[in-house]
Amino acid sequence: MADLAPYPKQFIHSDINEYNIIITPPAEGSVAPSNITTPRNTSDYDPDFGIIDFNDLTLTHRVFEVAHAMGYILSSQAFDYPVLNHFYRGYSSIIQLEKTEFDVIFDIILVRFVVSCVVGTKTITLDPSNVYTKKCVQENLVSLQRLFKDGRYTFYNKIYQDRT
């Protein structure tokens, strides 16, 4: 993996997933425009949203925020490349990663899955009744196998799929 030292740093949440995002439905009668691409053109559709659970907040390389969020998307049961594509398009409409940052996302996701599986397996040996950790390890193993099967080229190609 590349030397990350020169990459930009910022505070990152490090745990953005579907359990840590709260969305309040928009006001009754409002309709989402069909061309929402950035928060700036959502005047007719303005749901309230927020992020919770700041236990993993840390100052580190900003590329980790993207890789961690993508890892959560890929560890879902759907292993959804289209959602990954939409997430990256939304993120990059606000913050553009440098090419060198973008190029390490795949590796960071792989490492995170491996570490999660190892730590999760150790946790299960200490507490075999931990159903949540068992589920996470199983999902991460499936996702890790899928990423290895699909490979780096497919992963990056899917991120850019249908980009306009």
C-alpha atoms as a PDB file:
ATOM      1  CA  MET A   1       0.000   0.000   0.000  1.00  0.00           C
ATOM      2  CA  ALA A   2       1.108   3.569  -0.629  1.00  0.00           C
ATOM      3  CA  ASP A   3       2.732   5.774   2.002  1.00  0.00           C
ATOM      4  CA  LEU A   4      -0.185   7.758   3.408  1.00  0.00           C
ATOM      5  CA  ALA A   5       1.909  10.444   5.141  1.00  0.00           C
ATOM      6  CA  PRO A   6       1.468  13.124   2.448  1.00  0.00           C
ATOM      7  CA  TYR A   7      -2.286  12.599   2.103  1.00  0.00           C
ATOM      8  CA  PRO A   8      -4.628  15.302   3.474  1.00  0.00           C
ATOM      9  CA  LYS A   9      -5.877  14.840   7.018  1.00  0.00           C
ATOM     10  CA  GLN A  10      -9.096  15.927   8.661  1.00  0.00           C
ATOM     11  CA  PHE A  11     -11.387  14.847  11.468  1.00  0.00           C
ATOM     12  CA  ILE A  12     -13.460  11.902  10.302  1.00  0.00           C
ATOM     13  CA  HIS A  13     -16.483  10.209  11.856  1.00  0.00           C
ATOM     14  CA  SER A  14     -15.073   6.786  10.900  1.00  0.00           C
ATOM     15  CA  ASP A  15     -18.353   4.966  11.510  1.00  0.00           C
ATOM     16  CA  ILE A  16     -20.834   6.305   8.959  1.00  0.00           C
ATOM     17  CA  ASN A  17     -23.291   3.506   8.317  1.00  0.00           C
ATOM     18  CA  GLU A  18     -27.037   3.043   8.117  1.00  0.00           C
ATOM     19  CA  TYR A  19     -27.341   2.811  11.916  1.00  0.00           C
ATOM     20  CA  ASN A  20     -25.677   6.183  12.519  1.00  0.00           C
ATOM     21  CA  ILE A  21     -27.637   8.330  10.066  1.00  0.00           C
ATOM     22  CA  ILE A  22     -30.982   9.832  11.055  1.00  0.00           C
ATOM     23  CA  ILE A  23     -33.281  11.217   8.359  1.00  0.00           C
ATOM     24  CA  THR A  24     -36.510  13.056   9.084  1.00  0.00           C
ATOM     25  CA  PRO A  25     -38.939  12.864   6.164  1.00  0.00           C
ATOM     26  CA  PRO A  26     -39.474  16.094   4.228  1.00  0.00           C
ATOM     27  CA  ALA A  27     -42.495  18.272   4.865  1.00  0.00           C
ATOM     28  CA  GLU A  28     -45.804  16.953   3.593  1.00  0.00           C
ATOM     29  CA  GLY A  29     -46.381  17.822  -0.041  1.00  0.00           C
ATOM     30  CA  SER A  30     -42.751  18.449  -0.953  1.00  0.00           C
ATOM     31  CA  VAL A  31     -41.434  16.530  -3.933  1.00  0.00           C
ATOM     32  CA  ALA A  32     -37.826  15.584  -4.535  1.00  0.00           C
ATOM     33  CA  PRO A  33     -36.465  16.955  -7.807  1.00  0.00           C
ATOM     34  CA  SER A  34     -35.353  14.227 -10.188  1.00  0.00           C
ATOM     35  CA  ASN A  35     -31.934  15.803 -10.674  1.00  0.00           C
ATOM     36  CA  ILE A  36     -30.597  16.040  -7.113  1.00  0.00           C
ATOM     37  CA  THR A  37     -26.823  15.928  -7.434  1.00  0.00           C
ATOM     38  CA  THR A  38     -25.617  18.161  -4.588  1.00  0.00           C
ATOM     39  CA  PRO A  39     -27.134  19.648  -1.463  1.00  0.00           C
ATOM     40  CA  ARG A  40     -27.316  23.007  -3.255  1.00  0.00           C
ATOM     41  CA  ASN A  41     -30.206  22.102  -5.574  1.00  0.00           C
ATOM     42  CA  THR A  42     -32.576  20.552  -3.058  1.00  0.00           C
ATOM     43  CA  SER A  43     -34.704  23.639  -2.403  1.00  0.00           C
ATOM     44  CA  ASP A  44     -38.002  21.778  -2.955  1.00  0.00           C
ATOM     45  CA  TYR A  45     -36.916  18.746  -0.961  1.00  0.00           C
ATOM     46  CA  ASP A  46     -35.246  19.463   2.333  1.00  0.00           C
ATOM     47  CA  PRO A  47     -35.320  16.536   4.740  1.00  0.00           C
ATOM     48  CA  ASP A  48     -33.532  17.003   8.029  1.00  0.00           C
ATOM     49  CA  PHE A  49     -30.714  14.597   8.632  1.00  0.00           C
ATOM     50  CA  GLY A  50     -27.946  14.073  11.081  1.00  0.00           C
ATOM     51  CA  ILE A  51     -25.156  11.752  12.036  1.00  0.00           C
ATOM     52  CA  ILE A  52     -24.849  10.222  15.499  1.00  0.00           C
ATOM     53  CA  ASP A  53     -22.339   8.068  17.419  1.00  0.00           C
ATOM     54  CA  PHE A  54     -19.046   9.925  17.507  1.00  0.00           C
ATOM     55  CA  ASN A  55     -17.108   7.259  19.459  1.00  0.00           C
ATOM     56  CA  ASP A  56     -14.732   6.660  16.543  1.00  0.00           C
ATOM     57  CA  LEU A  57     -14.121  10.339  15.691  1.00  0.00           C
ATOM     58  CA  THR A  58     -10.447  10.786  14.912  1.00  0.00           C
ATOM     59  CA  LEU A  59      -7.962  12.992  13.104  1.00  0.00           C
ATOM     60  CA  THR A  60      -6.579  10.965  10.231  1.00  0.00           C
ATOM     61  CA  HIS A  61      -6.345  10.822   6.467  1.00  0.00           C
ATOM     62  CA  ARG A  62      -9.650  11.833   4.867  1.00  0.00           C
ATOM     63  CA  VAL A  63      -9.542   8.885   2.460  1.00  0.00           C
ATOM     64  CA  PHE A  64     -10.313   6.621   5.422  1.00  0.00           C
ATOM     65  CA  GLU A  65     -13.763   8.222   5.790  1.00  0.00           C
ATOM     66  CA  VAL A  66     -14.601   7.300   2.202  1.00  0.00           C
ATOM     67  CA  ALA A  67     -13.137   3.794   2.481  1.00  0.00           C
ATOM     68  CA  HIS A  68     -14.879   3.070   5.785  1.00  0.00           C
ATOM     69  CA  ALA A  69     -18.273   4.227   4.486  1.00  0.00           C
ATOM     70  CA  MET A  70     -17.789   2.204   1.290  1.00  0.00           C
ATOM     71  CA  GLY A  71     -16.865  -0.814   3.384  1.00  0.00           C
ATOM     72  CA  TYR A  72     -20.145  -0.511   5.260  1.00  0.00           C
ATOM     73  CA  ILE A  73     -22.022  -0.283   1.964  1.00  0.00           C
ATOM     74  CA  LEU A  74     -20.240  -3.364   0.656  1.00  0.00           C
ATOM     75  CA  SER A  75     -20.719  -5.344   3.861  1.00  0.00           C
ATOM     76  CA  SER A  76     -24.471  -5.029   3.660  1.00  0.00           C
ATOM     77  CA  GLN A  77     -26.371  -8.101   2.579  1.00  0.00           C
ATOM     78  CA  ALA A  78     -26.995  -6.571  -0.825  1.00  0.00           C
ATOM     79  CA  PHE A  79     -23.297  -5.826  -1.584  1.00  0.00           C
ATOM     80  CA  ASP A  80     -24.578  -2.996  -3.699  1.00  0.00           C
ATOM     81  CA  TYR A  81     -22.212  -1.449  -6.251  1.00  0.00           C
ATOM     82  CA  PRO A  82     -24.883   1.037  -7.474  1.00  0.00           C
ATOM     83  CA  VAL A  83     -25.221   2.406  -3.926  1.00  0.00           C
ATOM     84  CA  LEU A  84     -21.426   2.619  -3.756  1.00  0.00           C
ATOM     85  CA  ASN A  85     -21.487   4.568  -7.007  1.00  0.00           C
ATOM     86  CA  HIS A  86     -24.109   7.001  -5.681  1.00  0.00           C
ATOM     87  CA  PHE A  87     -22.244   7.445  -2.400  1.00  0.00           C
ATOM     88  CA  TYR A  88     -18.983   8.293  -4.151  1.00  0.00           C
ATOM     89  CA  ARG A  89     -20.690  10.663  -6.587  1.00  0.00           C
ATOM     90  CA  GLY A  90     -22.303  12.480  -3.675  1.00  0.00           C
ATOM     91  CA  TYR A  91     -19.094  12.636  -1.658  1.00  0.00           C
ATOM     92  CA  SER A  92     -16.994  13.804  -4.593  1.00  0.00           C
ATOM     93  CA  SER A  93     -19.527  16.512  -5.435  1.00  0.00           C
ATOM     94  CA  ILE A  94     -18.410  18.150  -2.186  1.00  0.00           C
ATOM     95  CA  ILE A  95     -14.841  16.903  -1.642  1.00  0.00           C
ATOM     96  CA  GLN A  96     -12.588  15.778  -4.482  1.00  0.00           C
ATOM     97  CA  LEU A  97     -10.049  13.150  -3.476  1.00  0.00           C
ATOM     98  CA  GLU A  98      -6.648  13.291  -5.099  1.00  0.00           C
ATOM     99  CA  LYS A  99      -5.961  10.447  -7.543  1.00  0.00           C
ATOM    100  CA  THR A 100      -3.417   8.929  -5.163  1.00  0.00           C
ATOM    101  CA  GLU A 101      -6.048   8.877  -2.396  1.00  0.00           C
ATOM    102  CA  PHE A 102      -8.657   7.348  -4.687  1.00  0.00           C
ATOM    103  CA  ASP A 103      -6.204   4.643  -5.747  1.00  0.00           C
ATOM    104  CA  VAL A 104      -5.850   3.259  -2.197  1.00  0.00           C
ATOM    105  CA  ILE A 105      -9.552   2.971  -1.345  1.00  0.00           C
ATOM    106  CA  PHE A 106      -9.755  -0.658  -2.495  1.00  0.00           C
ATOM    107  CA  ASP A 107      -6.755  -1.642  -0.347  1.00  0.00           C
ATOM    108  CA  ILE A 108      -8.080   0.177   2.731  1.00  0.00           C
ATOM    109  CA  ILE A 109     -11.430  -1.595   2.412  1.00  0.00           C
ATOM    110  CA  LEU A 110      -9.718  -4.994   2.129  1.00  0.00           C
ATOM    111  CA  VAL A 111      -7.547  -4.317   5.184  1.00  0.00           C
ATOM    112  CA  ARG A 112     -10.556  -3.098   7.180  1.00  0.00           C
ATOM    113  CA  PHE A 113     -12.526  -6.263   6.337  1.00  0.00           C
ATOM    114  CA  VAL A 114      -9.605  -8.485   7.344  1.00  0.00           C
ATOM    115  CA  VAL A 115      -9.065  -6.627  10.630  1.00  0.00           C
ATOM    116  CA  SER A 116     -12.809  -6.675  11.372  1.00  0.00           C
ATOM    117  CA  CYS A 117     -12.922 -10.431  10.759  1.00  0.00           C
ATOM    118  CA  VAL A 118      -9.887 -11.124  12.965  1.00  0.00           C
ATOM    119  CA  VAL A 119     -11.061  -8.894  15.827  1.00  0.00           C
ATOM    120  CA  GLY A 120     -14.626 -10.180  15.481  1.00  0.00           C
ATOM    121  CA  THR A 121     -13.500 -13.804  15.557  1.00  0.00           C
ATOM    122  CA  LYS A 122     -11.487 -13.126  18.729  1.00  0.00           C
ATOM    123  CA  THR A 123     -14.560 -11.441  20.264  1.00  0.00           C
ATOM    124  CA  ILE A 124     -16.706 -14.475  19.410  1.00  0.00           C
ATOM    125  CA  THR A 125     -14.207 -16.839  21.063  1.00  0.00           C
ATOM    126  CA  LEU A 126     -14.527 -14.754  24.248  1.00  0.00           C
ATOM    127  CA  ASP A 127     -18.315 -14.410  23.987  1.00  0.00           C
ATOM    128  CA  PRO A 128     -19.917 -17.078  21.754  1.00  0.00           C
ATOM    129  CA  SER A 129     -23.373 -15.620  22.431  1.00  0.00           C
ATOM    130  CA  ASN A 130     -22.510 -12.346  20.641  1.00  0.00           C
ATOM    131  CA  VAL A 131     -24.958 -12.640  17.743  1.00  0.00           C
ATOM    132  CA  TYR A 132     -24.239  -9.150  16.361  1.00  0.00           C
ATOM    133  CA  THR A 133     -20.504  -9.810  16.005  1.00  0.00           C
ATOM    134  CA  LYS A 134     -21.147 -13.196  14.396  1.00  0.00           C
ATOM    135  CA  LYS A 135     -23.409 -11.530  11.836  1.00  0.00           C
ATOM    136  CA  CYS A 136     -20.806  -8.828  11.115  1.00  0.00           C
ATOM    137  CA  VAL A 137     -17.979 -11.344  10.689  1.00  0.00           C
ATOM    138  CA  GLN A 138     -20.090 -13.439   8.317  1.00  0.00           C
ATOM    139  CA  GLU A 139     -21.059 -10.383   6.239  1.00  0.00           C
ATOM    140  CA  ASN A 140     -17.469  -9.133   6.145  1.00  0.00           C
ATOM    141  CA  LEU A 141     -16.152 -12.535   5.060  1.00  0.00           C
ATOM    142  CA  VAL A 142     -18.684 -12.699   2.225  1.00  0.00           C
ATOM    143  CA  SER A 143     -17.803  -9.153   1.169  1.00  0.00           C
ATOM    144  CA  LEU A 144     -14.073  -9.849   1.363  1.00  0.00           C
ATOM    145  CA  GLN A 145     -14.473 -12.924  -0.838  1.00  0.00           C
ATOM    146  CA  ARG A 146     -16.570 -10.932  -3.289  1.00  0.00           C
ATOM    147  CA  LEU A 147     -14.002  -8.126  -3.494  1.00  0.00           C
ATOM    148  CA  PHE A 148     -11.204 -10.633  -4.130  1.00  0.00           C
ATOM    149  CA  LYS A 149     -13.332 -12.335  -6.784  1.00  0.00           C
ATOM    150  CA  ASP A 150     -14.315  -9.077  -8.496  1.00  0.00           C
ATOM    151  CA  GLY A 151     -10.864  -7.538  -8.193  1.00  0.00           C
ATOM    152  CA  ARG A 152      -9.554  -3.992  -8.173  1.00  0.00           C
ATOM    153  CA  TYR A 153     -10.473  -3.211 -11.780  1.00  0.00           C
ATOM    154  CA  THR A 154     -14.141  -4.169 -11.354  1.00  0.00           C
ATOM    155  CA  PHE A 155     -14.352  -2.298  -8.049  1.00  0.00           C
ATOM    156  CA  TYR A 156     -13.108   0.980  -9.547  1.00  0.00           C
ATOM    157  CA  ASN A 157     -15.063   0.492 -12.752  1.00  0.00           C
ATOM    158  CA  LYS A 158     -18.294   0.079 -10.752  1.00  0.00           C
ATOM    159  CA  ILE A 159     -17.655   3.332  -8.892  1.00  0.00           C
ATOM    160  CA  TYR A 160     -17.592   5.166 -12.221  1.00  0.00           C
ATOM    161  CA  GLN A 161     -20.461   3.203 -13.755  1.00  0.00           C
ATOM    162  CA  ASP A 162     -23.188   5.428 -15.188  1.00  0.00           C
ATOM    163  CA  ARG A 163     -21.310   8.613 -14.301  1.00  0.00           C
ATOM    164  CA  THR A 164     -22.367  11.675 -16.211  1.00  0.00           C
END
